[in-house]
Amino acid sequence: MVKTIVFVAALIAAAMFAVKNGKILRAAGMIGHCAVVQTTSDGQQWEACSSGKLEGAPDLSRNGCTSAGLYAGQIYWHCPAPVASAP
């Protein structure tokens, strides 16, 4: 009886960790995600974001990115080069 309880508790803990990590949900298409499709020579990036079944596509405007439109079911964003600090 105790072994069964410990086994079920371990399964629940593993499932909670997998969902918290988000990798499984992204792979299943449940949550939206973005991927860099091009990086220019000056460091600016183009990102393509896909919508998930549980939530829409991520909004990158808070990161200083501007929406470049919708193409083939993905939302494209133009993002400025990241700011790097000098030593």
C-alpha atoms as a PDB file:
ATOM      1  CA  MET A   1       0.000   0.000   0.000  1.00  0.00           C
ATOM      2  CA  VAL A   2       2.796   2.428   0.899  1.00  0.00           C
ATOM      3  CA  LYS A   3       4.665   1.549  -2.302  1.00  0.00           C
ATOM      4  CA  THR A   4       1.588   2.409  -4.350  1.00  0.00           C
ATOM      5  CA  ILE A   5       1.175   5.765  -2.624  1.00  0.00           C
ATOM      6  CA  VAL A   6       4.847   6.628  -3.147  1.00  0.00           C
ATOM      7  CA  PHE A   7       4.653   5.538  -6.793  1.00  0.00           C
ATOM      8  CA  VAL A   8       1.558   7.653  -7.486  1.00  0.00           C
ATOM      9  CA  ALA A   9       3.107  10.632  -5.680  1.00  0.00           C
ATOM     10  CA  ALA A  10       6.256  10.283  -7.820  1.00  0.00           C
ATOM     11  CA  LEU A  11       4.165  10.185 -11.000  1.00  0.00           C
ATOM     12  CA  ILE A  12       2.253  13.293  -9.960  1.00  0.00           C
ATOM     13  CA  ALA A  13       5.486  15.112  -9.097  1.00  0.00           C
ATOM     14  CA  ALA A  14       7.017  14.151 -12.476  1.00  0.00           C
ATOM     15  CA  ALA A  15       3.922  15.373 -14.334  1.00  0.00           C
ATOM     16  CA  MET A  16       3.944  18.665 -12.410  1.00  0.00           C
ATOM     17  CA  PHE A  17       7.632  19.185 -13.234  1.00  0.00           C
ATOM     18  CA  ALA A  18       7.048  18.423 -16.927  1.00  0.00           C
ATOM     19  CA  VAL A  19       4.189  20.922 -17.152  1.00  0.00           C
ATOM     20  CA  LYS A  20       6.113  23.581 -15.198  1.00  0.00           C
ATOM     21  CA  ASN A  21       9.077  23.218 -17.555  1.00  0.00           C
ATOM     22  CA  GLY A  22       6.835  23.923 -20.550  1.00  0.00           C
ATOM     23  CA  LYS A  23       8.862  21.943 -23.063  1.00  0.00           C
ATOM     24  CA  ILE A  24       6.217  19.232 -23.349  1.00  0.00           C
ATOM     25  CA  LEU A  25       3.410  21.766 -23.717  1.00  0.00           C
ATOM     26  CA  ARG A  26       5.324  23.614 -26.462  1.00  0.00           C
ATOM     27  CA  ALA A  27       6.049  20.365 -28.308  1.00  0.00           C
ATOM     28  CA  ALA A  28       2.359  19.433 -28.138  1.00  0.00           C
ATOM     29  CA  GLY A  29       1.383  22.860 -29.534  1.00  0.00           C
ATOM     30  CA  MET A  30      -0.560  23.835 -26.421  1.00  0.00           C
ATOM     31  CA  ILE A  31       1.269  27.109 -25.685  1.00  0.00           C
ATOM     32  CA  GLY A  32       2.638  29.708 -28.092  1.00  0.00           C
ATOM     33  CA  HIS A  33       6.340  30.058 -28.761  1.00  0.00           C
ATOM     34  CA  CYS A  34       8.807  32.085 -30.808  1.00  0.00           C
ATOM     35  CA  ALA A  35      11.942  31.200 -32.715  1.00  0.00           C
ATOM     36  CA  VAL A  36      14.651  33.396 -34.243  1.00  0.00           C
ATOM     37  CA  VAL A  37      14.560  32.981 -38.013  1.00  0.00           C
ATOM     38  CA  GLN A  38      17.240  35.498 -38.984  1.00  0.00           C
ATOM     39  CA  THR A  39      19.904  37.613 -37.299  1.00  0.00           C
ATOM     40  CA  THR A  40      21.314  40.542 -39.265  1.00  0.00           C
ATOM     41  CA  SER A  41      24.963  41.616 -39.214  1.00  0.00           C
ATOM     42  CA  ASP A  42      24.205  44.457 -36.775  1.00  0.00           C
ATOM     43  CA  GLY A  43      22.543  42.073 -34.293  1.00  0.00           C
ATOM     44  CA  GLN A  44      18.887  42.748 -35.046  1.00  0.00           C
ATOM     45  CA  GLN A  45      16.673  39.686 -35.158  1.00  0.00           C
ATOM     46  CA  TRP A  46      13.572  38.494 -36.975  1.00  0.00           C
ATOM     47  CA  GLU A  47      11.425  36.165 -34.899  1.00  0.00           C
ATOM     48  CA  ALA A  48       8.490  33.998 -35.943  1.00  0.00           C
ATOM     49  CA  CYS A  49       5.851  33.302 -33.284  1.00  0.00           C
ATOM     50  CA  SER A  50       3.216  30.566 -33.392  1.00  0.00           C
ATOM     51  CA  SER A  51      -0.046  30.477 -31.465  1.00  0.00           C
ATOM     52  CA  GLY A  52      -0.850  27.637 -29.127  1.00  0.00           C
ATOM     53  CA  LYS A  53      -4.172  25.902 -28.516  1.00  0.00           C
ATOM     54  CA  LEU A  54      -4.420  27.166 -24.932  1.00  0.00           C
ATOM     55  CA  GLU A  55      -3.080  30.695 -25.481  1.00  0.00           C
ATOM     56  CA  GLY A  56      -2.255  32.990 -28.360  1.00  0.00           C
ATOM     57  CA  ALA A  57       1.114  33.899 -29.776  1.00  0.00           C
ATOM     58  CA  PRO A  58       3.554  35.680 -27.450  1.00  0.00           C
ATOM     59  CA  ASP A  59       3.568  39.499 -27.568  1.00  0.00           C
ATOM     60  CA  LEU A  60       7.126  40.717 -28.108  1.00  0.00           C
ATOM     61  CA  SER A  61       6.262  44.428 -28.082  1.00  0.00           C
ATOM     62  CA  ARG A  62       7.346  44.603 -24.433  1.00  0.00           C
ATOM     63  CA  ASN A  63      10.852  43.674 -25.586  1.00  0.00           C
ATOM     64  CA  GLY A  64      11.031  46.602 -28.010  1.00  0.00           C
ATOM     65  CA  CYS A  65      10.056  44.515 -31.034  1.00  0.00           C
ATOM     66  CA  THR A  66       7.714  45.719 -33.758  1.00  0.00           C
ATOM     67  CA  SER A  67       5.192  43.498 -35.493  1.00  0.00           C
ATOM     68  CA  ALA A  68       6.048  42.842 -39.130  1.00  0.00           C
ATOM     69  CA  GLY A  69       2.851  41.028 -40.035  1.00  0.00           C
ATOM     70  CA  LEU A  70       1.307  37.614 -40.420  1.00  0.00           C
ATOM     71  CA  TYR A  71       2.546  35.102 -42.971  1.00  0.00           C
ATOM     72  CA  ALA A  72       1.755  31.391 -43.281  1.00  0.00           C
ATOM     73  CA  GLY A  73       0.104  31.239 -39.869  1.00  0.00           C
ATOM     74  CA  GLN A  74       3.018  32.800 -37.993  1.00  0.00           C
ATOM     75  CA  ILE A  75       3.433  36.311 -36.634  1.00  0.00           C
ATOM     76  CA  TYR A  76       6.778  37.884 -37.529  1.00  0.00           C
ATOM     77  CA  TRP A  77       8.532  40.406 -35.284  1.00  0.00           C
ATOM     78  CA  HIS A  78      11.514  42.669 -35.930  1.00  0.00           C
ATOM     79  CA  CYS A  79      13.562  43.025 -32.752  1.00  0.00           C
ATOM     80  CA  PRO A  80      16.431  45.447 -32.064  1.00  0.00           C
ATOM     81  CA  ALA A  81      19.897  44.226 -31.204  1.00  0.00           C
ATOM     82  CA  PRO A  82      20.317  43.318 -27.562  1.00  0.00           C
ATOM     83  CA  VAL A  83      22.178  45.845 -25.433  1.00  0.00           C
ATOM     84  CA  ALA A  84      25.516  44.514 -24.236  1.00  0.00           C
ATOM     85  CA  SER A  85      27.564  46.073 -21.462  1.00  0.00           C
ATOM     86  CA  ALA A  86      31.275  46.683 -21.897  1.00  0.00           C
ATOM     87  CA  PRO A  87      33.745  45.505 -19.249  1.00  0.00           C
END
